[in-house]
Amino acid sequence: MPWSWEEIRGQGPAVRLFKKALEEGRLAQTYLLVGPEGVGKETCAWILTAHLFCPEGACGECLSCQKLKQGWHPDLLVLAPDMGGLKIQ
């Protein structure tokens, strides 16, 4: 199953920003996704990552997408907050 921007609900402006940046090839060097728990920050980050890594645009089926889904893509380092510090996944 492909990753889809429709998975992110209630974040229309953010989704439009990322979709437009991808279409125009004008992604910023860095994005900071902030907000309360449960608003789709992590989902958004994974969908954006899939669009960047997948030659088909987040197809969900290719080798690159499978590696992302399994959490072992060699070109991706995930940093996540942890109690008392930073956790590298």
PDB file of N, CA and C in Angstrom:
ATOM      1  N   MET A   1       0.838  -1.184   0.000  1.00  0.00           N
ATOM      2  CA  MET A   1       0.000   0.000   0.000  1.00  0.00           C
ATOM      3  C   MET A   1       0.880   1.244   0.000  1.00  0.00           C
ATOM      4  N   PRO A   2       0.626   2.181  -0.901  1.00  0.00           N
ATOM      5  CA  PRO A   2       1.438   3.398  -0.936  1.00  0.00           C
ATOM      6  C   PRO A   2       1.144   4.296   0.259  1.00  0.00           C
ATOM      7  N   TRP A   3       2.143   5.093   0.591  1.00  0.00           N
ATOM      8  CA  TRP A   3       1.927   6.112   1.609  1.00  0.00           C
ATOM      9  C   TRP A   3       1.167   7.245   0.961  1.00  0.00           C
ATOM     10  N   SER A   4       0.193   7.791   1.666  1.00  0.00           N
ATOM     11  CA  SER A   4      -0.660   8.805   1.070  1.00  0.00           C
ATOM     12  C   SER A   4      -0.799  10.007   1.998  1.00  0.00           C
ATOM     13  N   TRP A   5      -0.799  11.182   1.395  1.00  0.00           N
ATOM     14  CA  TRP A   5      -1.000  12.407   2.177  1.00  0.00           C
ATOM     15  C   TRP A   5      -2.381  12.422   2.824  1.00  0.00           C
ATOM     16  N   GLU A   6      -3.322  11.643   2.302  1.00  0.00           N
ATOM     17  CA  GLU A   6      -4.670  11.599   2.866  1.00  0.00           C
ATOM     18  C   GLU A   6      -4.691  10.993   4.268  1.00  0.00           C
ATOM     19  N   GLU A   7      -3.601  10.324   4.657  1.00  0.00           N
ATOM     20  CA  GLU A   7      -3.506   9.775   6.014  1.00  0.00           C
ATOM     21  C   GLU A   7      -3.418  10.885   7.055  1.00  0.00           C
ATOM     22  N   ILE A   8      -3.007  12.069   6.640  1.00  0.00           N
ATOM     23  CA  ILE A   8      -2.825  13.188   7.564  1.00  0.00           C
ATOM     24  C   ILE A   8      -4.091  14.020   7.546  1.00  0.00           C
ATOM     25  N   ARG A   9      -4.810  14.016   8.633  1.00  0.00           N
ATOM     26  CA  ARG A   9      -6.092  14.709   8.718  1.00  0.00           C
ATOM     27  C   ARG A   9      -5.941  16.010   9.514  1.00  0.00           C
ATOM     28  N   GLY A  10      -6.620  17.036   9.050  1.00  0.00           N
ATOM     29  CA  GLY A  10      -6.647  18.295   9.779  1.00  0.00           C
ATOM     30  C   GLY A  10      -5.384  19.130   9.655  1.00  0.00           C
ATOM     31  N   GLN A  11      -4.499  18.768   8.722  1.00  0.00           N
ATOM     32  CA  GLN A  11      -3.245  19.501   8.542  1.00  0.00           C
ATOM     33  C   GLN A  11      -3.098  19.951   7.090  1.00  0.00           C
ATOM     34  N   GLY A  12      -4.199  20.446   6.528  1.00  0.00           N
ATOM     35  CA  GLY A  12      -4.217  20.843   5.128  1.00  0.00           C
ATOM     36  C   GLY A  12      -3.097  21.791   4.719  1.00  0.00           C
ATOM     37  N   PRO A  13      -2.863  22.879   5.469  1.00  0.00           N
ATOM     38  CA  PRO A  13      -1.789  23.799   5.066  1.00  0.00           C
ATOM     39  C   PRO A  13      -0.411  23.125   5.023  1.00  0.00           C
ATOM     40  N   ALA A  14      -0.118  22.290   5.984  1.00  0.00           N
ATOM     41  CA  ALA A  14       1.180  21.607   6.018  1.00  0.00           C
ATOM     42  C   ALA A  14       1.294  20.627   4.855  1.00  0.00           C
ATOM     43  N   VAL A  15       0.246  19.882   4.595  1.00  0.00           N
ATOM     44  CA  VAL A  15       0.257  18.918   3.491  1.00  0.00           C
ATOM     45  C   VAL A  15       0.441  19.649   2.160  1.00  0.00           C
ATOM     46  N   ARG A  16      -0.286  20.740   1.974  1.00  0.00           N
ATOM     47  CA  ARG A  16      -0.146  21.507   0.732  1.00  0.00           C
ATOM     48  C   ARG A  16       1.276  22.044   0.571  1.00  0.00           C
ATOM     49  N   LEU A  17       1.870  22.513   1.658  1.00  0.00           N
ATOM     50  CA  LEU A  17       3.242  23.026   1.615  1.00  0.00           C
ATOM     51  C   LEU A  17       4.209  21.949   1.146  1.00  0.00           C
ATOM     52  N   PHE A  18       4.112  20.762   1.744  1.00  0.00           N
ATOM     53  CA  PHE A  18       5.029  19.677   1.374  1.00  0.00           C
ATOM     54  C   PHE A  18       4.779  19.185  -0.046  1.00  0.00           C
ATOM     55  N   LYS A  19       3.524  19.031  -0.432  1.00  0.00           N
ATOM     56  CA  LYS A  19       3.220  18.573  -1.787  1.00  0.00           C
ATOM     57  C   LYS A  19       3.741  19.559  -2.829  1.00  0.00           C
ATOM     58  N   LYS A  20       3.531  20.853  -2.596  1.00  0.00           N
ATOM     59  CA  LYS A  20       4.004  21.867  -3.536  1.00  0.00           C
ATOM     60  C   LYS A  20       5.534  21.874  -3.605  1.00  0.00           C
ATOM     61  N   ALA A  21       6.184  21.780  -2.457  1.00  0.00           N
ATOM     62  CA  ALA A  21       7.650  21.768  -2.426  1.00  0.00           C
ATOM     63  C   ALA A  21       8.196  20.556  -3.188  1.00  0.00           C
ATOM     64  N   LEU A  22       7.566  19.394  -3.027  1.00  0.00           N
ATOM     65  CA  LEU A  22       7.992  18.200  -3.753  1.00  0.00           C
ATOM     66  C   LEU A  22       7.781  18.367  -5.259  1.00  0.00           C
ATOM     67  N   GLU A  23       6.602  18.858  -5.643  1.00  0.00           N
ATOM     68  CA  GLU A  23       6.289  19.034  -7.062  1.00  0.00           C
ATOM     69  C   GLU A  23       7.261  19.994  -7.744  1.00  0.00           C
ATOM     70  N   GLU A  24       7.640  21.051  -7.024  1.00  0.00           N
ATOM     71  CA  GLU A  24       8.511  22.073  -7.604  1.00  0.00           C
ATOM     72  C   GLU A  24       9.993  21.778  -7.392  1.00  0.00           C
ATOM     73  N   GLY A  25      10.296  20.712  -6.651  1.00  0.00           N
ATOM     74  CA  GLY A  25      11.686  20.388  -6.360  1.00  0.00           C
ATOM     75  C   GLY A  25      12.359  21.454  -5.508  1.00  0.00           C
ATOM     76  N   ARG A  26      11.602  22.039  -4.595  1.00  0.00           N
ATOM     77  CA  ARG A  26      12.112  23.148  -3.793  1.00  0.00           C
ATOM     78  C   ARG A  26      11.930  22.886  -2.296  1.00  0.00           C
ATOM     79  N   LEU A  27      12.330  21.720  -1.865  1.00  0.00           N
ATOM     80  CA  LEU A  27      12.266  21.416  -0.437  1.00  0.00           C
ATOM     81  C   LEU A  27      13.314  22.214   0.321  1.00  0.00           C
ATOM     82  N   ALA A  28      12.957  22.630   1.502  1.00  0.00           N
ATOM     83  CA  ALA A  28      13.917  23.312   2.366  1.00  0.00           C
ATOM     84  C   ALA A  28      14.910  22.287   2.902  1.00  0.00           C
ATOM     85  N   GLN A  29      16.009  22.778   3.394  1.00  0.00           N
ATOM     86  CA  GLN A  29      17.034  21.903   3.956  1.00  0.00           C
ATOM     87  C   GLN A  29      16.540  21.225   5.225  1.00  0.00           C
ATOM     88  N   THR A  30      15.718  21.922   5.990  1.00  0.00           N
ATOM     89  CA  THR A  30      15.261  21.427   7.286  1.00  0.00           C
ATOM     90  C   THR A  30      13.811  21.835   7.522  1.00  0.00           C
ATOM     91  N   TYR A  31      13.064  20.947   8.156  1.00  0.00           N
ATOM     92  CA  TYR A  31      11.713  21.266   8.616  1.00  0.00           C
ATOM     93  C   TYR A  31      11.611  20.864  10.074  1.00  0.00           C
ATOM     94  N   LEU A  32      10.924  21.666  10.860  1.00  0.00           N
ATOM     95  CA  LEU A  32      10.674  21.346  12.258  1.00  0.00           C
ATOM     96  C   LEU A  32       9.174  21.134  12.396  1.00  0.00           C
ATOM     97  N   LEU A  33       8.790  19.915  12.710  1.00  0.00           N
ATOM     98  CA  LEU A  33       7.377  19.582  12.869  1.00  0.00           C
ATOM     99  C   LEU A  33       7.036  19.648  14.350  1.00  0.00           C
ATOM    100  N   VAL A  34       6.198  20.588  14.713  1.00  0.00           N
ATOM    101  CA  VAL A  34       5.846  20.778  16.119  1.00  0.00           C
ATOM    102  C   VAL A  34       4.344  20.752  16.281  1.00  0.00           C
ATOM    103  N   GLY A  35       3.916  20.463  17.497  1.00  0.00           N
ATOM    104  CA  GLY A  35       2.496  20.454  17.816  1.00  0.00           C
ATOM    105  C   GLY A  35       2.213  19.402  18.862  1.00  0.00           C
ATOM    106  N   PRO A  36       0.983  19.388  19.340  1.00  0.00           N
ATOM    107  CA  PRO A  36       0.633  18.413  20.363  1.00  0.00           C
ATOM    108  C   PRO A  36       0.678  16.984  19.838  1.00  0.00           C
ATOM    109  N   GLU A  37       0.765  16.059  20.734  1.00  0.00           N
ATOM    110  CA  GLU A  37       0.783  14.639  20.378  1.00  0.00           C
ATOM    111  C   GLU A  37      -0.482  14.276  19.616  1.00  0.00           C
ATOM    112  N   GLY A  38      -0.296  13.467  18.575  1.00  0.00           N
ATOM    113  CA  GLY A  38      -1.441  12.936  17.845  1.00  0.00           C
ATOM    114  C   GLY A  38      -1.929  13.766  16.669  1.00  0.00           C
ATOM    115  N   VAL A  39      -1.197  14.812  16.274  1.00  0.00           N
ATOM    116  CA  VAL A  39      -1.671  15.640  15.158  1.00  0.00           C
ATOM    117  C   VAL A  39      -1.100  15.215  13.814  1.00  0.00           C
ATOM    118  N   GLY A  40      -0.214  14.220  13.774  1.00  0.00           N
ATOM    119  CA  GLY A  40       0.282  13.693  12.514  1.00  0.00           C
ATOM    120  C   GLY A  40       1.702  14.076  12.152  1.00  0.00           C
ATOM    121  N   LYS A  41       2.471  14.558  13.107  1.00  0.00           N
ATOM    122  CA  LYS A  41       3.853  14.961  12.809  1.00  0.00           C
ATOM    123  C   LYS A  41       4.686  13.790  12.311  1.00  0.00           C
ATOM    124  N   GLU A  42       4.641  12.682  13.000  1.00  0.00           N
ATOM    125  CA  GLU A  42       5.447  11.523  12.605  1.00  0.00           C
ATOM    126  C   GLU A  42       4.958  10.946  11.280  1.00  0.00           C
ATOM    127  N   THR A  43       3.652  10.853  11.117  1.00  0.00           N
ATOM    128  CA  THR A  43       3.088  10.355   9.862  1.00  0.00           C
ATOM    129  C   THR A  43       3.535  11.239   8.702  1.00  0.00           C
ATOM    130  N   CYS A  44       3.473  12.542   8.889  1.00  0.00           N
ATOM    131  CA  CYS A  44       3.901  13.481   7.864  1.00  0.00           C
ATOM    132  C   CYS A  44       5.371  13.276   7.529  1.00  0.00           C
ATOM    133  N   ALA A  45       6.200  13.121   8.538  1.00  0.00           N
ATOM    134  CA  ALA A  45       7.631  12.922   8.311  1.00  0.00           C
ATOM    135  C   ALA A  45       7.889  11.646   7.512  1.00  0.00           C
ATOM    136  N   TRP A  46       7.169  10.564   7.826  1.00  0.00           N
ATOM    137  CA  TRP A  46       7.375   9.304   7.109  1.00  0.00           C
ATOM    138  C   TRP A  46       6.888   9.381   5.671  1.00  0.00           C
ATOM    139  N   ILE A  47       5.778  10.061   5.447  1.00  0.00           N
ATOM    140  CA  ILE A  47       5.262  10.195   4.081  1.00  0.00           C
ATOM    141  C   ILE A  47       6.217  11.046   3.247  1.00  0.00           C
ATOM    142  N   LEU A  48       6.698  12.135   3.805  1.00  0.00           N
ATOM    143  CA  LEU A  48       7.661  12.971   3.103  1.00  0.00           C
ATOM    144  C   LEU A  48       8.939  12.176   2.800  1.00  0.00           C
ATOM    145  N   THR A  49       9.417  11.419   3.778  1.00  0.00           N
ATOM    146  CA  THR A  49      10.610  10.591   3.585  1.00  0.00           C
ATOM    147  C   THR A  49      10.391   9.578   2.466  1.00  0.00           C
ATOM    148  N   ALA A  50       9.229   8.943   2.456  1.00  0.00           N
ATOM    149  CA  ALA A  50       8.927   7.962   1.412  1.00  0.00           C
ATOM    150  C   ALA A  50       8.934   8.614   0.032  1.00  0.00           C
ATOM    151  N   HIS A  51       8.401   9.817  -0.071  1.00  0.00           N
ATOM    152  CA  HIS A  51       8.405  10.520  -1.355  1.00  0.00           C
ATOM    153  C   HIS A  51       9.825  10.852  -1.796  1.00  0.00           C
ATOM    154  N   LEU A  52      10.696  11.115  -0.856  1.00  0.00           N
ATOM    155  CA  LEU A  52      12.082  11.449  -1.193  1.00  0.00           C
ATOM    156  C   LEU A  52      12.901  10.220  -1.578  1.00  0.00           C
ATOM    157  N   PHE A  53      12.639   9.083  -0.936  1.00  0.00           N
ATOM    158  CA  PHE A  53      13.449   7.886  -1.150  1.00  0.00           C
ATOM    159  C   PHE A  53      12.934   6.991  -2.267  1.00  0.00           C
ATOM    160  N   CYS A  54      11.653   7.032  -2.547  1.00  0.00           N
ATOM    161  CA  CYS A  54      11.041   6.116  -3.512  1.00  0.00           C
ATOM    162  C   CYS A  54      11.125   6.679  -4.928  1.00  0.00           C
ATOM    163  N   PRO A  55      11.627   5.888  -5.876  1.00  0.00           N
ATOM    164  CA  PRO A  55      11.690   6.366  -7.263  1.00  0.00           C
ATOM    165  C   PRO A  55      10.308   6.545  -7.891  1.00  0.00           C
ATOM    166  N   GLU A  56       9.296   5.919  -7.308  1.00  0.00           N
ATOM    167  CA  GLU A  56       7.929   6.026  -7.836  1.00  0.00           C
ATOM    168  C   GLU A  56       7.077   7.029  -7.066  1.00  0.00           C
ATOM    169  N   GLY A  57       7.632   7.661  -6.046  1.00  0.00           N
ATOM    170  CA  GLY A  57       6.867   8.639  -5.271  1.00  0.00           C
ATOM    171  C   GLY A  57       6.039   8.020  -4.171  1.00  0.00           C
ATOM    172  N   ALA A  58       6.660   7.239  -3.300  1.00  0.00           N
ATOM    173  CA  ALA A  58       5.996   6.622  -2.145  1.00  0.00           C
ATOM    174  C   ALA A  58       5.022   5.527  -2.548  1.00  0.00           C
ATOM    175  N   CYS A  59       5.481   4.608  -3.400  1.00  0.00           N
ATOM    176  CA  CYS A  59       4.615   3.527  -3.894  1.00  0.00           C
ATOM    177  C   CYS A  59       4.230   2.533  -2.799  1.00  0.00           C
ATOM    178  N   GLY A  60       5.116   2.366  -1.824  1.00  0.00           N
ATOM    179  CA  GLY A  60       4.848   1.423  -0.746  1.00  0.00           C
ATOM    180  C   GLY A  60       5.256  -0.005  -1.045  1.00  0.00           C
ATOM    181  N   GLU A  61       5.687  -0.282  -2.268  1.00  0.00           N
ATOM    182  CA  GLU A  61       5.984  -1.652  -2.667  1.00  0.00           C
ATOM    183  C   GLU A  61       7.437  -1.904  -3.065  1.00  0.00           C
ATOM    184  N   CYS A  62       8.133  -0.893  -3.540  1.00  0.00           N
ATOM    185  CA  CYS A  62       9.499  -1.094  -4.033  1.00  0.00           C
ATOM    186  C   CYS A  62      10.452  -1.418  -2.874  1.00  0.00           C
ATOM    187  N   LEU A  63      11.671  -1.787  -3.234  1.00  0.00           N
ATOM    188  CA  LEU A  63      12.660  -2.152  -2.230  1.00  0.00           C
ATOM    189  C   LEU A  63      12.927  -1.006  -1.256  1.00  0.00           C
ATOM    190  N   SER A  64      13.022   0.199  -1.779  1.00  0.00           N
ATOM    191  CA  SER A  64      13.269   1.356  -0.931  1.00  0.00           C
ATOM    192  C   SER A  64      12.130   1.550   0.079  1.00  0.00           C
ATOM    193  N   CYS A  65      10.901   1.468  -0.384  1.00  0.00           N
ATOM    194  CA  CYS A  65       9.737   1.610   0.507  1.00  0.00           C
ATOM    195  C   CYS A  65       9.701   0.490   1.545  1.00  0.00           C
ATOM    196  N   GLN A  66      10.013  -0.721   1.116  1.00  0.00           N
ATOM    197  CA  GLN A  66      10.018  -1.844   2.053  1.00  0.00           C
ATOM    198  C   GLN A  66      11.072  -1.645   3.140  1.00  0.00           C
ATOM    199  N   LYS A  67      12.245  -1.164   2.747  1.00  0.00           N
ATOM    200  CA  LYS A  67      13.292  -0.895   3.740  1.00  0.00           C
ATOM    201  C   LYS A  67      12.846   0.179   4.718  1.00  0.00           C
ATOM    202  N   LEU A  68      12.178   1.224   4.213  1.00  0.00           N
ATOM    203  CA  LEU A  68      11.676   2.272   5.103  1.00  0.00           C
ATOM    204  C   LEU A  68      10.640   1.707   6.074  1.00  0.00           C
ATOM    205  N   LYS A  69       9.712   0.927   5.555  1.00  0.00           N
ATOM    206  CA  LYS A  69       8.660   0.352   6.408  1.00  0.00           C
ATOM    207  C   LYS A  69       9.232  -0.566   7.477  1.00  0.00           C
ATOM    208  N   GLN A  70      10.314  -1.267   7.147  1.00  0.00           N
ATOM    209  CA  GLN A  70      10.927  -2.179   8.103  1.00  0.00           C
ATOM    210  C   GLN A  70      11.916  -1.477   9.023  1.00  0.00           C
ATOM    211  N   GLY A  71      12.188  -0.209   8.735  1.00  0.00           N
ATOM    212  CA  GLY A  71      13.044   0.574   9.611  1.00  0.00           C
ATOM    213  C   GLY A  71      14.529   0.327   9.456  1.00  0.00           C
ATOM    214  N   TRP A  72      14.960  -0.126   8.295  1.00  0.00           N
ATOM    215  CA  TRP A  72      16.399  -0.382   8.126  1.00  0.00           C
ATOM    216  C   TRP A  72      16.962   0.138   6.814  1.00  0.00           C
ATOM    217  N   HIS A  73      16.421   1.236   6.314  1.00  0.00           N
ATOM    218  CA  HIS A  73      16.987   1.827   5.104  1.00  0.00           C
ATOM    219  C   HIS A  73      18.374   2.372   5.434  1.00  0.00           C
ATOM    220  N   PRO A  74      19.402   1.990   4.664  1.00  0.00           N
ATOM    221  CA  PRO A  74      20.774   2.377   5.009  1.00  0.00           C
ATOM    222  C   PRO A  74      21.052   3.876   4.894  1.00  0.00           C
ATOM    223  N   ASP A  75      20.204   4.612   4.187  1.00  0.00           N
ATOM    224  CA  ASP A  75      20.434   6.042   4.007  1.00  0.00           C
ATOM    225  C   ASP A  75      19.601   6.907   4.944  1.00  0.00           C
ATOM    226  N   LEU A  76      18.989   6.304   5.949  1.00  0.00           N
ATOM    227  CA  LEU A  76      18.121   7.051   6.853  1.00  0.00           C
ATOM    228  C   LEU A  76      18.543   6.840   8.302  1.00  0.00           C
ATOM    229  N   LEU A  77      18.700   7.935   9.001  1.00  0.00           N
ATOM    230  CA  LEU A  77      18.964   7.911  10.439  1.00  0.00           C
ATOM    231  C   LEU A  77      17.821   8.647  11.109  1.00  0.00           C
ATOM    232  N   VAL A  78      17.109   7.970  11.983  1.00  0.00           N
ATOM    233  CA  VAL A  78      15.965   8.563  12.663  1.00  0.00           C
ATOM    234  C   VAL A  78      16.370   8.941  14.080  1.00  0.00           C
ATOM    235  N   LEU A  79      16.170  10.212  14.403  1.00  0.00           N
ATOM    236  CA  LEU A  79      16.397  10.696  15.762  1.00  0.00           C
ATOM    237  C   LEU A  79      15.028  10.953  16.374  1.00  0.00           C
ATOM    238  N   ALA A  80      14.802  10.417  17.552  1.00  0.00           N
ATOM    239  CA  ALA A  80      13.501  10.576  18.199  1.00  0.00           C
ATOM    240  C   ALA A  80      13.696  10.958  19.656  1.00  0.00           C
ATOM    241  N   PRO A  81      12.786  11.786  20.185  1.00  0.00           N
ATOM    242  CA  PRO A  81      12.901  12.144  21.594  1.00  0.00           C
ATOM    243  C   PRO A  81      12.677  10.931  22.486  1.00  0.00           C
ATOM    244  N   ASP A  82      13.343  10.940  23.608  1.00  0.00           N
ATOM    245  CA  ASP A  82      13.210   9.866  24.588  1.00  0.00           C
ATOM    246  C   ASP A  82      13.225  10.522  25.952  1.00  0.00           C
ATOM    247  N   MET A  83      12.732   9.858  26.942  1.00  0.00           N
ATOM    248  CA  MET A  83      12.760  10.403  28.293  1.00  0.00           C
ATOM    249  C   MET A  83      14.200  10.658  28.703  1.00  0.00           C
ATOM    250  N   GLY A  84      14.542  11.896  28.944  1.00  0.00           N
ATOM    251  CA  GLY A  84      15.868  12.223  29.429  1.00  0.00           C
ATOM    252  C   GLY A  84      16.923  12.392  28.367  1.00  0.00           C
ATOM    253  N   GLY A  85      16.570  12.392  27.107  1.00  0.00           N
ATOM    254  CA  GLY A  85      17.596  12.577  26.095  1.00  0.00           C
ATOM    255  C   GLY A  85      17.111  12.293  24.709  1.00  0.00           C
ATOM    256  N   LEU A  86      18.023  12.009  23.831  1.00  0.00           N
ATOM    257  CA  LEU A  86      17.713  11.743  22.442  1.00  0.00           C
ATOM    258  C   LEU A  86      17.963  10.289  22.135  1.00  0.00           C
ATOM    259  N   LYS A  87      17.036   9.664  21.466  1.00  0.00           N
ATOM    260  CA  LYS A  87      17.151   8.248  21.141  1.00  0.00           C
ATOM    261  C   LYS A  87      17.363   8.110  19.641  1.00  0.00           C
ATOM    262  N   ILE A  88      18.336   7.329  19.249  1.00  0.00           N
ATOM    263  CA  ILE A  88      18.586   7.042  17.845  1.00  0.00           C
ATOM    264  C   ILE A  88      17.950   5.699  17.525  1.00  0.00           C
ATOM    265  N   GLN A  89      17.045   5.715  16.560  1.00  0.00           N
ATOM    266  CA  GLN A  89      16.342   4.475  16.192  1.00  0.00           C
ATOM    267  C   GLN A  89      17.024   3.822  15.034  1.00  0.00           C
TER     268      GLN A  89
END
